[in-house]
Amino acid sequence: MIKMYRKTKINKKAAAEALFWLLVIVATVIAATQFSWEYAATILQYILVVSAGSAVYFYITNRNLYQNSLEQNKKLILKQREIGRFQKTVDLIFNNSADGIMILDDEQKIESYSPGMEKISGYKKEEVIGRNVSILKFQSSSGDSLLPDLMFTMPGVKKLRHMLKTLSCLAMVKTLTPKPATLP
């Protein structure tokens, strides 16, 4: 909502500036064509003073908008770099984890399939991408699915991806946490 307001405000300022300069041109043409040269010269001097003052105002306003735009661009670039570093970390976890990780869409079709999942399931990534997760017959001897039920109860790919990131981070913490020694 705020971004739309700012965008609308900028468009209104640009329209007001364009209208002002159009009025200056029209006033100049009318002064030059409709009045005597002595009277027109006086009118044109007033138009010149008003135009010069307005040009300074519009320059300062536009310069501030430009500075704000530069600052916003710098912030966006920094955020994109941060997201890129985070994505590299997630990709490293996804591609190097011994745990099986897969990402499903809303229709339970497989979007991503980790190398760890290939080792666990025996299916290659190319065989399962785009297919329904039901092709993976992960069942215990009692017939219960070994896949977490949570995967199928969360609507939306975004929520599923968030869950994957959370689980990946937990898996990384679990991997880094030393296991207590057991006595024989």
N, C-alpha and C. Protein backbone atom coordinates (compact mmCIF):
# COMPACT_ATOMS: atom_id res chain seq x y z
N MET A 1 0.82 -1.19 0.00
CA MET A 1 0.00 0.00 0.00
C MET A 1 0.87 1.25 0.00
N ILE A 2 1.93 1.25 0.80
CA ILE A 2 2.80 2.41 0.88
C ILE A 2 3.52 2.61 -0.46
N LYS A 3 3.99 1.52 -1.06
CA LYS A 3 4.70 1.64 -2.32
C LYS A 3 3.78 2.20 -3.40
N MET A 4 2.52 1.77 -3.41
CA MET A 4 1.57 2.29 -4.40
C MET A 4 1.36 3.79 -4.17
N TYR A 5 1.27 4.21 -2.90
CA TYR A 5 1.08 5.62 -2.60
C TYR A 5 2.27 6.43 -3.09
N ARG A 6 3.48 5.94 -2.82
CA ARG A 6 4.67 6.66 -3.26
C ARG A 6 4.71 6.75 -4.79
N LYS A 7 4.39 5.67 -5.45
CA LYS A 7 4.41 5.65 -6.91
C LYS A 7 3.38 6.64 -7.45
N THR A 8 2.20 6.67 -6.87
CA THR A 8 1.15 7.59 -7.28
C THR A 8 1.59 9.02 -7.03
N LYS A 9 2.25 9.27 -5.91
CA LYS A 9 2.70 10.60 -5.57
C LYS A 9 3.74 11.08 -6.59
N ILE A 10 4.64 10.21 -6.97
CA ILE A 10 5.65 10.56 -7.97
C ILE A 10 4.98 10.84 -9.30
N ASN A 11 4.01 10.05 -9.69
CA ASN A 11 3.32 10.28 -10.96
C ASN A 11 2.56 11.61 -10.94
N LYS A 12 1.98 11.96 -9.81
CA LYS A 12 1.26 13.24 -9.70
C LYS A 12 2.24 14.40 -9.82
N LYS A 13 3.43 14.26 -9.20
CA LYS A 13 4.42 15.32 -9.31
C LYS A 13 4.89 15.48 -10.75
N ALA A 14 5.14 14.37 -11.41
CA ALA A 14 5.58 14.43 -12.81
C ALA A 14 4.51 15.06 -13.69
N ALA A 15 3.25 14.71 -13.44
CA ALA A 15 2.15 15.29 -14.21
C ALA A 15 2.03 16.79 -13.94
N ALA A 16 2.19 17.19 -12.67
CA ALA A 16 2.11 18.61 -12.32
C ALA A 16 3.24 19.39 -12.98
N GLU A 17 4.44 18.80 -13.00
CA GLU A 17 5.57 19.47 -13.65
C GLU A 17 5.33 19.61 -15.15
N ALA A 18 4.85 18.57 -15.79
CA ALA A 18 4.57 18.62 -17.23
C ALA A 18 3.49 19.66 -17.53
N LEU A 19 2.46 19.70 -16.70
CA LEU A 19 1.39 20.68 -16.89
C LEU A 19 1.92 22.10 -16.72
N PHE A 20 2.79 22.30 -15.73
CA PHE A 20 3.37 23.62 -15.51
C PHE A 20 4.13 24.09 -16.75
N TRP A 21 4.99 23.22 -17.30
CA TRP A 21 5.79 23.62 -18.45
C TRP A 21 4.91 23.83 -19.68
N LEU A 22 3.85 23.08 -19.78
CA LEU A 22 2.90 23.30 -20.88
C LEU A 22 2.25 24.68 -20.75
N LEU A 23 1.88 25.06 -19.52
CA LEU A 23 1.29 26.38 -19.29
C LEU A 23 2.30 27.49 -19.59
N VAL A 24 3.56 27.27 -19.27
CA VAL A 24 4.60 28.26 -19.58
C VAL A 24 4.69 28.46 -21.09
N ILE A 25 4.67 27.37 -21.83
CA ILE A 25 4.76 27.47 -23.30
C ILE A 25 3.54 28.20 -23.86
N VAL A 26 2.35 27.84 -23.38
CA VAL A 26 1.12 28.48 -23.85
C VAL A 26 1.13 29.96 -23.51
N ALA A 27 1.53 30.31 -22.27
CA ALA A 27 1.58 31.72 -21.85
C ALA A 27 2.59 32.50 -22.69
N THR A 28 3.71 31.88 -23.03
CA THR A 28 4.72 32.54 -23.86
C THR A 28 4.18 32.82 -25.26
N VAL A 29 3.53 31.83 -25.84
CA VAL A 29 2.96 32.00 -27.18
C VAL A 29 1.88 33.08 -27.18
N ILE A 30 1.03 33.05 -26.17
CA ILE A 30 -0.05 34.07 -26.09
C ILE A 30 0.55 35.46 -25.91
N ALA A 31 1.55 35.57 -25.01
CA ALA A 31 2.17 36.89 -24.78
C ALA A 31 2.83 37.41 -26.05
N ALA A 32 3.47 36.54 -26.80
CA ALA A 32 4.19 36.98 -27.99
C ALA A 32 3.26 37.31 -29.15
N THR A 33 2.11 36.67 -29.19
CA THR A 33 1.22 36.87 -30.35
C THR A 33 0.05 37.80 -30.10
N GLN A 34 -0.36 37.99 -28.86
CA GLN A 34 -1.58 38.74 -28.59
C GLN A 34 -1.35 40.15 -28.02
N PHE A 35 -0.14 40.44 -27.61
CA PHE A 35 0.11 41.74 -26.97
C PHE A 35 1.15 42.52 -27.77
N SER A 36 1.20 43.81 -27.49
CA SER A 36 2.23 44.64 -28.13
C SER A 36 3.60 44.21 -27.60
N TRP A 37 4.66 44.55 -28.36
CA TRP A 37 6.01 44.09 -27.98
C TRP A 37 6.44 44.64 -26.63
N GLU A 38 6.09 45.85 -26.28
CA GLU A 38 6.49 46.42 -24.98
C GLU A 38 5.81 45.66 -23.83
N TYR A 39 4.52 45.44 -24.00
CA TYR A 39 3.77 44.73 -22.96
C TYR A 39 4.17 43.24 -22.93
N ALA A 40 4.39 42.64 -24.08
CA ALA A 40 4.79 41.23 -24.18
C ALA A 40 6.15 41.02 -23.53
N ALA A 41 7.07 41.99 -23.70
CA ALA A 41 8.41 41.87 -23.09
C ALA A 41 8.30 41.80 -21.57
N THR A 42 7.43 42.59 -21.00
CA THR A 42 7.24 42.57 -19.54
C THR A 42 6.65 41.23 -19.10
N ILE A 43 5.65 40.77 -19.81
CA ILE A 43 5.02 39.47 -19.48
C ILE A 43 6.06 38.35 -19.59
N LEU A 44 6.86 38.38 -20.67
CA LEU A 44 7.88 37.34 -20.87
C LEU A 44 8.94 37.37 -19.77
N GLN A 45 9.26 38.56 -19.25
CA GLN A 45 10.22 38.64 -18.14
C GLN A 45 9.64 37.96 -16.89
N TYR A 46 8.37 38.19 -16.60
CA TYR A 46 7.72 37.53 -15.46
C TYR A 46 7.70 36.01 -15.65
N ILE A 47 7.38 35.61 -16.88
CA ILE A 47 7.35 34.17 -17.18
C ILE A 47 8.75 33.58 -16.98
N LEU A 48 9.78 34.30 -17.40
CA LEU A 48 11.16 33.84 -17.24
C LEU A 48 11.53 33.67 -15.76
N VAL A 49 11.16 34.63 -14.93
CA VAL A 49 11.48 34.57 -13.50
C VAL A 49 10.75 33.39 -12.85
N VAL A 50 9.47 33.25 -13.14
CA VAL A 50 8.68 32.15 -12.58
C VAL A 50 9.22 30.81 -13.08
N SER A 51 9.58 30.75 -14.35
CA SER A 51 10.11 29.50 -14.91
C SER A 51 11.45 29.14 -14.28
N ALA A 52 12.31 30.12 -14.08
CA ALA A 52 13.61 29.85 -13.48
C ALA A 52 13.45 29.35 -12.04
N GLY A 53 12.59 29.99 -11.28
CA GLY A 53 12.34 29.55 -9.90
C GLY A 53 11.74 28.14 -9.88
N SER A 54 10.82 27.88 -10.77
CA SER A 54 10.19 26.56 -10.84
C SER A 54 11.20 25.50 -11.28
N ALA A 55 12.08 25.85 -12.22
CA ALA A 55 13.10 24.90 -12.67
C ALA A 55 14.01 24.49 -11.52
N VAL A 56 14.39 25.45 -10.68
CA VAL A 56 15.22 25.14 -9.51
C VAL A 56 14.45 24.22 -8.57
N TYR A 57 13.18 24.55 -8.32
CA TYR A 57 12.36 23.71 -7.43
C TYR A 57 12.25 22.29 -7.98
N PHE A 58 11.93 22.15 -9.26
CA PHE A 58 11.78 20.81 -9.86
C PHE A 58 13.11 20.05 -9.85
N TYR A 59 14.22 20.77 -10.06
CA TYR A 59 15.53 20.13 -10.03
C TYR A 59 15.82 19.56 -8.64
N ILE A 60 15.58 20.37 -7.62
CA ILE A 60 15.85 19.91 -6.24
C ILE A 60 14.93 18.75 -5.88
N THR A 61 13.67 18.83 -6.24
CA THR A 61 12.72 17.76 -5.94
C THR A 61 13.14 16.47 -6.66
N ASN A 62 13.46 16.59 -7.94
CA ASN A 62 13.86 15.40 -8.69
C ASN A 62 15.19 14.84 -8.20
N ARG A 63 16.09 15.72 -7.77
CA ARG A 63 17.38 15.25 -7.24
C ARG A 63 17.15 14.45 -5.97
N ASN A 64 16.25 14.92 -5.11
CA ASN A 64 15.93 14.17 -3.88
C ASN A 64 15.31 12.83 -4.22
N LEU A 65 14.42 12.81 -5.19
CA LEU A 65 13.83 11.53 -5.62
C LEU A 65 14.90 10.61 -6.16
N TYR A 66 15.84 11.17 -6.91
CA TYR A 66 16.92 10.38 -7.48
C TYR A 66 17.81 9.81 -6.35
N GLN A 67 18.13 10.63 -5.37
CA GLN A 67 18.94 10.17 -4.24
C GLN A 67 18.22 9.05 -3.48
N ASN A 68 16.94 9.22 -3.26
CA ASN A 68 16.15 8.18 -2.58
C ASN A 68 16.14 6.89 -3.40
N SER A 69 16.03 7.05 -4.70
CA SER A 69 16.04 5.89 -5.59
C SER A 69 17.38 5.16 -5.52
N LEU A 70 18.48 5.91 -5.50
CA LEU A 70 19.81 5.29 -5.38
C LEU A 70 19.95 4.52 -4.07
N GLU A 71 19.48 5.13 -2.98
CA GLU A 71 19.56 4.46 -1.68
C GLU A 71 18.74 3.17 -1.67
N GLN A 72 17.55 3.21 -2.25
CA GLN A 72 16.71 2.02 -2.32
C GLN A 72 17.38 0.94 -3.17
N ASN A 73 18.01 1.33 -4.27
CA ASN A 73 18.71 0.37 -5.12
C ASN A 73 19.87 -0.28 -4.39
N LYS A 74 20.62 0.50 -3.61
CA LYS A 74 21.73 -0.05 -2.83
C LYS A 74 21.23 -1.06 -1.82
N LYS A 75 20.12 -0.74 -1.15
CA LYS A 75 19.54 -1.67 -0.18
C LYS A 75 19.09 -2.96 -0.86
N LEU A 76 18.46 -2.83 -2.03
CA LEU A 76 18.01 -4.01 -2.77
C LEU A 76 19.18 -4.88 -3.21
N ILE A 77 20.25 -4.25 -3.65
CA ILE A 77 21.43 -5.01 -4.08
C ILE A 77 22.02 -5.77 -2.91
N LEU A 78 22.12 -5.11 -1.75
CA LEU A 78 22.65 -5.79 -0.55
C LEU A 78 21.75 -6.96 -0.15
N LYS A 79 20.44 -6.77 -0.22
CA LYS A 79 19.50 -7.83 0.12
C LYS A 79 19.62 -8.99 -0.86
N GLN A 80 19.78 -8.69 -2.14
CA GLN A 80 19.94 -9.74 -3.14
C GLN A 80 21.22 -10.53 -2.90
N ARG A 81 22.29 -9.85 -2.52
CA ARG A 81 23.54 -10.56 -2.20
C ARG A 81 23.36 -11.47 -0.99
N GLU A 82 22.66 -10.96 0.02
CA GLU A 82 22.40 -11.76 1.22
C GLU A 82 21.57 -12.99 0.87
N ILE A 83 20.55 -12.81 0.05
CA ILE A 83 19.71 -13.93 -0.37
C ILE A 83 20.54 -14.92 -1.19
N GLY A 84 21.43 -14.41 -2.04
CA GLY A 84 22.29 -15.28 -2.83
C GLY A 84 23.21 -16.12 -1.96
N ARG A 85 23.78 -15.52 -0.92
CA ARG A 85 24.63 -16.29 0.01
C ARG A 85 23.81 -17.34 0.75
N PHE A 86 22.61 -16.96 1.18
CA PHE A 86 21.74 -17.91 1.87
C PHE A 86 21.37 -19.06 0.94
N GLN A 87 21.06 -18.73 -0.32
CA GLN A 87 20.70 -19.76 -1.29
C GLN A 87 21.84 -20.73 -1.52
N LYS A 88 23.08 -20.21 -1.57
CA LYS A 88 24.24 -21.09 -1.73
C LYS A 88 24.35 -22.06 -0.56
N THR A 89 24.09 -21.56 0.65
CA THR A 89 24.14 -22.42 1.84
C THR A 89 23.08 -23.50 1.77
N VAL A 90 21.86 -23.09 1.41
CA VAL A 90 20.77 -24.07 1.31
C VAL A 90 21.08 -25.09 0.22
N ASP A 91 21.62 -24.63 -0.92
CA ASP A 91 21.98 -25.55 -1.99
C ASP A 91 23.05 -26.54 -1.54
N LEU A 92 24.05 -26.06 -0.79
CA LEU A 92 25.09 -26.96 -0.27
C LEU A 92 24.48 -28.02 0.64
N ILE A 93 23.58 -27.60 1.52
CA ILE A 93 22.93 -28.55 2.43
C ILE A 93 22.10 -29.54 1.63
N PHE A 94 21.32 -29.02 0.68
CA PHE A 94 20.44 -29.86 -0.13
C PHE A 94 21.24 -30.89 -0.92
N ASN A 95 22.33 -30.46 -1.55
CA ASN A 95 23.10 -31.34 -2.43
C ASN A 95 24.07 -32.26 -1.70
N ASN A 96 24.45 -31.93 -0.46
CA ASN A 96 25.46 -32.72 0.24
C ASN A 96 24.93 -33.45 1.47
N SER A 97 23.66 -33.30 1.77
CA SER A 97 23.09 -33.97 2.93
C SER A 97 22.91 -35.46 2.66
N ALA A 98 23.23 -36.27 3.66
CA ALA A 98 22.99 -37.71 3.54
C ALA A 98 21.50 -38.00 3.70
N ASP A 99 20.77 -37.06 4.29
CA ASP A 99 19.32 -37.21 4.44
C ASP A 99 18.65 -37.00 3.10
N GLY A 100 17.53 -37.66 2.90
CA GLY A 100 16.77 -37.49 1.68
C GLY A 100 15.90 -36.26 1.78
N ILE A 101 16.03 -35.38 0.82
CA ILE A 101 15.24 -34.15 0.81
C ILE A 101 14.58 -34.02 -0.55
N MET A 102 13.28 -33.75 -0.54
CA MET A 102 12.59 -33.47 -1.80
C MET A 102 11.61 -32.34 -1.57
N ILE A 103 11.34 -31.61 -2.64
CA ILE A 103 10.40 -30.49 -2.59
C ILE A 103 9.23 -30.85 -3.49
N LEU A 104 8.03 -30.72 -2.94
CA LEU A 104 6.80 -31.04 -3.67
C LEU A 104 6.03 -29.76 -3.96
N ASP A 105 5.25 -29.77 -5.04
CA ASP A 105 4.36 -28.64 -5.29
C ASP A 105 3.00 -28.92 -4.63
N ASP A 106 2.02 -28.07 -4.91
CA ASP A 106 0.69 -28.21 -4.30
C ASP A 106 0.00 -29.51 -4.68
N GLU A 107 0.34 -30.05 -5.84
CA GLU A 107 -0.29 -31.28 -6.31
C GLU A 107 0.53 -32.52 -5.95
N GLN A 108 1.48 -32.35 -5.04
CA GLN A 108 2.35 -33.42 -4.56
C GLN A 108 3.22 -34.00 -5.68
N LYS A 109 3.55 -33.15 -6.64
CA LYS A 109 4.50 -33.55 -7.68
C LYS A 109 5.89 -33.11 -7.23
N ILE A 110 6.88 -33.90 -7.54
CA ILE A 110 8.23 -33.65 -7.08
C ILE A 110 8.87 -32.56 -7.94
N GLU A 111 9.33 -31.49 -7.26
CA GLU A 111 10.01 -30.39 -7.95
C GLU A 111 11.53 -30.53 -7.85
N SER A 112 12.02 -30.91 -6.68
CA SER A 112 13.45 -31.07 -6.47
C SER A 112 13.69 -32.37 -5.71
N TYR A 113 14.85 -32.94 -5.95
CA TYR A 113 15.15 -34.26 -5.41
C TYR A 113 16.65 -34.31 -5.11
N SER A 114 17.01 -34.45 -3.86
CA SER A 114 18.41 -34.36 -3.47
C SER A 114 19.17 -35.65 -3.79
N PRO A 115 20.50 -35.55 -3.90
CA PRO A 115 21.32 -36.75 -4.11
C PRO A 115 21.15 -37.75 -2.96
N GLY A 116 20.96 -37.26 -1.75
CA GLY A 116 20.71 -38.15 -0.62
C GLY A 116 19.43 -38.94 -0.81
N MET A 117 18.42 -38.30 -1.38
CA MET A 117 17.14 -38.97 -1.65
C MET A 117 17.33 -40.02 -2.75
N GLU A 118 18.21 -39.74 -3.71
CA GLU A 118 18.50 -40.73 -4.75
C GLU A 118 19.07 -42.00 -4.13
N LYS A 119 20.00 -41.82 -3.19
CA LYS A 119 20.63 -42.98 -2.54
C LYS A 119 19.62 -43.77 -1.71
N ILE A 120 18.75 -43.06 -1.01
CA ILE A 120 17.77 -43.72 -0.14
C ILE A 120 16.73 -44.47 -0.96
N SER A 121 16.21 -43.80 -2.02
CA SER A 121 15.08 -44.37 -2.76
C SER A 121 15.51 -45.29 -3.90
N GLY A 122 16.70 -45.06 -4.44
CA GLY A 122 17.12 -45.83 -5.60
C GLY A 122 16.67 -45.22 -6.91
N TYR A 123 15.84 -44.19 -6.86
CA TYR A 123 15.40 -43.49 -8.07
C TYR A 123 16.35 -42.33 -8.37
N LYS A 124 16.65 -42.14 -9.63
CA LYS A 124 17.45 -40.99 -10.05
C LYS A 124 16.54 -39.77 -10.16
N LYS A 125 17.14 -38.63 -9.98
CA LYS A 125 16.43 -37.35 -10.03
C LYS A 125 15.61 -37.21 -11.32
N GLU A 126 16.21 -37.56 -12.44
CA GLU A 126 15.55 -37.42 -13.74
C GLU A 126 14.30 -38.29 -13.86
N GLU A 127 14.25 -39.38 -13.09
CA GLU A 127 13.11 -40.29 -13.17
C GLU A 127 11.89 -39.78 -12.39
N VAL A 128 12.13 -38.92 -11.40
CA VAL A 128 11.02 -38.55 -10.51
C VAL A 128 10.56 -37.10 -10.63
N ILE A 129 11.39 -36.22 -11.17
CA ILE A 129 11.00 -34.81 -11.26
C ILE A 129 9.73 -34.69 -12.11
N GLY A 130 8.75 -33.99 -11.56
CA GLY A 130 7.47 -33.78 -12.26
C GLY A 130 6.45 -34.88 -12.02
N ARG A 131 6.86 -35.96 -11.36
CA ARG A 131 5.91 -37.05 -11.10
C ARG A 131 5.37 -36.95 -9.68
N ASN A 132 4.25 -37.60 -9.44
CA ASN A 132 3.62 -37.60 -8.12
C ASN A 132 4.48 -38.38 -7.14
N VAL A 133 4.50 -37.90 -5.90
CA VAL A 133 5.33 -38.52 -4.86
C VAL A 133 4.90 -39.96 -4.57
N SER A 134 3.70 -40.32 -4.97
CA SER A 134 3.19 -41.67 -4.69
C SER A 134 4.00 -42.75 -5.41
N ILE A 135 4.80 -42.38 -6.42
CA ILE A 135 5.64 -43.39 -7.08
C ILE A 135 6.71 -43.92 -6.14
N LEU A 136 7.02 -43.13 -5.11
CA LEU A 136 8.01 -43.58 -4.13
C LEU A 136 7.28 -44.45 -3.11
N LYS A 137 7.55 -45.69 -3.08
CA LYS A 137 6.84 -46.64 -2.22
C LYS A 137 7.56 -46.78 -0.88
N PHE A 138 7.56 -45.69 -0.11
CA PHE A 138 8.17 -45.73 1.20
C PHE A 138 7.14 -46.23 2.20
N GLN A 139 7.14 -47.51 2.48
CA GLN A 139 6.19 -48.07 3.43
C GLN A 139 6.90 -49.06 4.35
N SER A 140 6.42 -49.07 5.56
CA SER A 140 6.97 -50.03 6.51
C SER A 140 6.32 -51.39 6.27
N SER A 141 6.75 -52.39 7.01
CA SER A 141 6.18 -53.73 6.85
C SER A 141 4.69 -53.76 7.20
N SER A 142 4.24 -52.81 8.03
CA SER A 142 2.82 -52.76 8.37
C SER A 142 2.00 -51.99 7.34
N GLY A 143 2.65 -51.43 6.31
CA GLY A 143 1.92 -50.72 5.25
C GLY A 143 1.80 -49.23 5.48
N ASP A 144 2.33 -48.72 6.61
CA ASP A 144 2.27 -47.28 6.89
C ASP A 144 3.34 -46.55 6.08
N SER A 145 3.00 -45.35 5.66
CA SER A 145 3.96 -44.54 4.90
C SER A 145 5.07 -44.09 5.83
N LEU A 146 6.28 -44.11 5.32
CA LEU A 146 7.42 -43.64 6.09
C LEU A 146 7.70 -42.15 5.85
N LEU A 147 6.98 -41.54 4.88
CA LEU A 147 7.14 -40.12 4.63
C LEU A 147 6.38 -39.35 5.70
N PRO A 148 6.94 -38.24 6.17
CA PRO A 148 6.24 -37.45 7.20
C PRO A 148 4.89 -36.96 6.71
N ASP A 149 3.88 -37.11 7.56
CA ASP A 149 2.54 -36.64 7.20
C ASP A 149 2.51 -35.13 7.02
N LEU A 150 3.40 -34.43 7.67
CA LEU A 150 3.42 -32.98 7.59
C LEU A 150 3.61 -32.50 6.16
N MET A 151 4.32 -33.26 5.35
CA MET A 151 4.54 -32.87 3.97
C MET A 151 3.22 -32.74 3.21
N PHE A 152 2.26 -33.53 3.58
CA PHE A 152 1.01 -33.57 2.81
C PHE A 152 -0.09 -32.71 3.41
N THR A 153 0.14 -32.15 4.58
CA THR A 153 -0.90 -31.34 5.21
C THR A 153 -0.65 -29.85 5.05
N MET A 154 0.54 -29.47 4.60
CA MET A 154 0.85 -28.05 4.45
C MET A 154 0.46 -27.58 3.06
N PRO A 155 -0.51 -26.68 2.94
CA PRO A 155 -0.86 -26.18 1.61
C PRO A 155 0.18 -25.18 1.12
N GLY A 156 0.47 -25.24 -0.14
CA GLY A 156 1.33 -24.23 -0.75
C GLY A 156 2.79 -24.62 -0.80
N VAL A 157 3.38 -24.36 -1.93
CA VAL A 157 4.80 -24.67 -2.13
C VAL A 157 5.66 -23.78 -1.24
N LYS A 158 5.28 -22.54 -1.06
CA LYS A 158 6.10 -21.62 -0.27
C LYS A 158 6.23 -22.13 1.16
N LYS A 159 5.11 -22.60 1.73
CA LYS A 159 5.17 -23.11 3.09
C LYS A 159 6.01 -24.38 3.14
N LEU A 160 5.91 -25.19 2.11
CA LEU A 160 6.68 -26.42 2.05
C LEU A 160 8.17 -26.12 1.94
N ARG A 161 8.50 -25.12 1.12
CA ARG A 161 9.90 -24.73 1.00
C ARG A 161 10.41 -24.17 2.31
N HIS A 162 9.58 -23.40 3.02
CA HIS A 162 9.98 -22.87 4.32
C HIS A 162 10.25 -24.02 5.29
N MET A 163 9.38 -25.03 5.25
CA MET A 163 9.58 -26.20 6.12
C MET A 163 10.89 -26.89 5.74
N LEU A 164 11.18 -26.99 4.45
CA LEU A 164 12.42 -27.63 4.01
C LEU A 164 13.63 -26.86 4.52
N LYS A 165 13.58 -25.54 4.43
CA LYS A 165 14.69 -24.73 4.92
C LYS A 165 14.87 -24.93 6.42
N THR A 166 13.75 -24.94 7.15
CA THR A 166 13.82 -25.14 8.60
C THR A 166 14.40 -26.50 8.92
N LEU A 167 13.91 -27.53 8.23
CA LEU A 167 14.43 -28.88 8.48
C LEU A 167 15.89 -28.99 8.09
N SER A 168 16.27 -28.33 7.01
CA SER A 168 17.67 -28.37 6.58
C SER A 168 18.56 -27.72 7.63
N CYS A 169 18.11 -26.59 8.17
CA CYS A 169 18.89 -25.91 9.21
C CYS A 169 18.98 -26.78 10.46
N LEU A 170 17.86 -27.44 10.82
CA LEU A 170 17.88 -28.33 11.98
C LEU A 170 18.80 -29.52 11.73
N ALA A 171 18.79 -30.03 10.51
CA ALA A 171 19.67 -31.15 10.17
C ALA A 171 21.12 -30.73 10.28
N MET A 172 21.42 -29.49 9.85
CA MET A 172 22.78 -29.00 9.94
C MET A 172 23.20 -28.86 11.40
N VAL A 173 22.31 -28.34 12.24
CA VAL A 173 22.61 -28.21 13.67
C VAL A 173 22.80 -29.59 14.28
N LYS A 174 21.94 -30.53 13.88
CA LYS A 174 22.04 -31.89 14.40
C LYS A 174 23.38 -32.52 13.99
N THR A 175 23.81 -32.27 12.76
CA THR A 175 25.07 -32.81 12.26
C THR A 175 26.25 -32.22 13.02
N LEU A 176 26.15 -30.93 13.35
CA LEU A 176 27.25 -30.25 14.03
C LEU A 176 27.29 -30.53 15.53
N THR A 177 26.18 -31.02 16.10
CA THR A 177 26.12 -31.30 17.53
C THR A 177 26.79 -32.64 17.81
N PRO A 178 27.80 -32.65 18.71
CA PRO A 178 28.48 -33.92 19.00
C PRO A 178 27.56 -34.87 19.73
N LYS A 179 27.64 -36.16 19.39
CA LYS A 179 26.84 -37.17 20.04
C LYS A 179 27.51 -37.62 21.33
N PRO A 180 26.74 -37.86 22.38
CA PRO A 180 27.35 -38.30 23.63
C PRO A 180 27.90 -39.73 23.46
N ALA A 181 28.99 -39.97 24.11
CA ALA A 181 29.59 -41.31 24.05
C ALA A 181 28.72 -42.31 24.78
N THR A 182 28.60 -43.52 24.23
CA THR A 182 27.80 -44.56 24.86
C THR A 182 28.73 -45.62 25.44
N LEU A 183 28.34 -46.12 26.56
CA LEU A 183 29.13 -47.15 27.21
C LEU A 183 28.74 -48.52 26.69
N PRO A 184 29.70 -49.42 26.52
CA PRO A 184 29.36 -50.76 26.01
C PRO A 184 28.63 -51.59 27.01
